[in-house]
Amino acid sequence: CREMVVVRNTEANLYNRLWCTFELLAAIMLEIDVLVAGEMPPEFISGRGTGSTASCTNPTDRERISAAMFGAKSKDPGLEALVNRAMYRVSHAASGSRVHVTRARGPFWRQKLNAVSQ
């Protein structure tokens, strides 16, 4: 695929769902643009309950998605920062915007993203 569509709504922060965070990481890894639709809740707050700490209805999904994103042993703070920065940019973009979330430049980030994809 060449782009991903993110549909936001004013009732809930989509990055409270771990699946949505995982999809954003996939966009970063694939180096594709994110097309933004809809509006975020009035006060977007990143941190607890978003990104790697987001929830899943099924506990097994949470374990599997977290392991795929950040590794089974421990979270990589560099990779998590990359996802959080992209999450912030997509959340604050105007509806109808195209956001290029990839900031994985240089061998350090390329190595991190390759490790996640294996």
Foldseek 3Di string as FASTA:
>chain_A
DAEAEDEEEQPDQPQLAQVVLLVLLVCQLVQHKYAYAYAYHPDDDDDQSGRLNHDDPDPVVNQVSNCLQANNPDRDVVSSVLSVVLSVCNNPDDHRDIGRSHPQDDDVSNVVSVVSVD
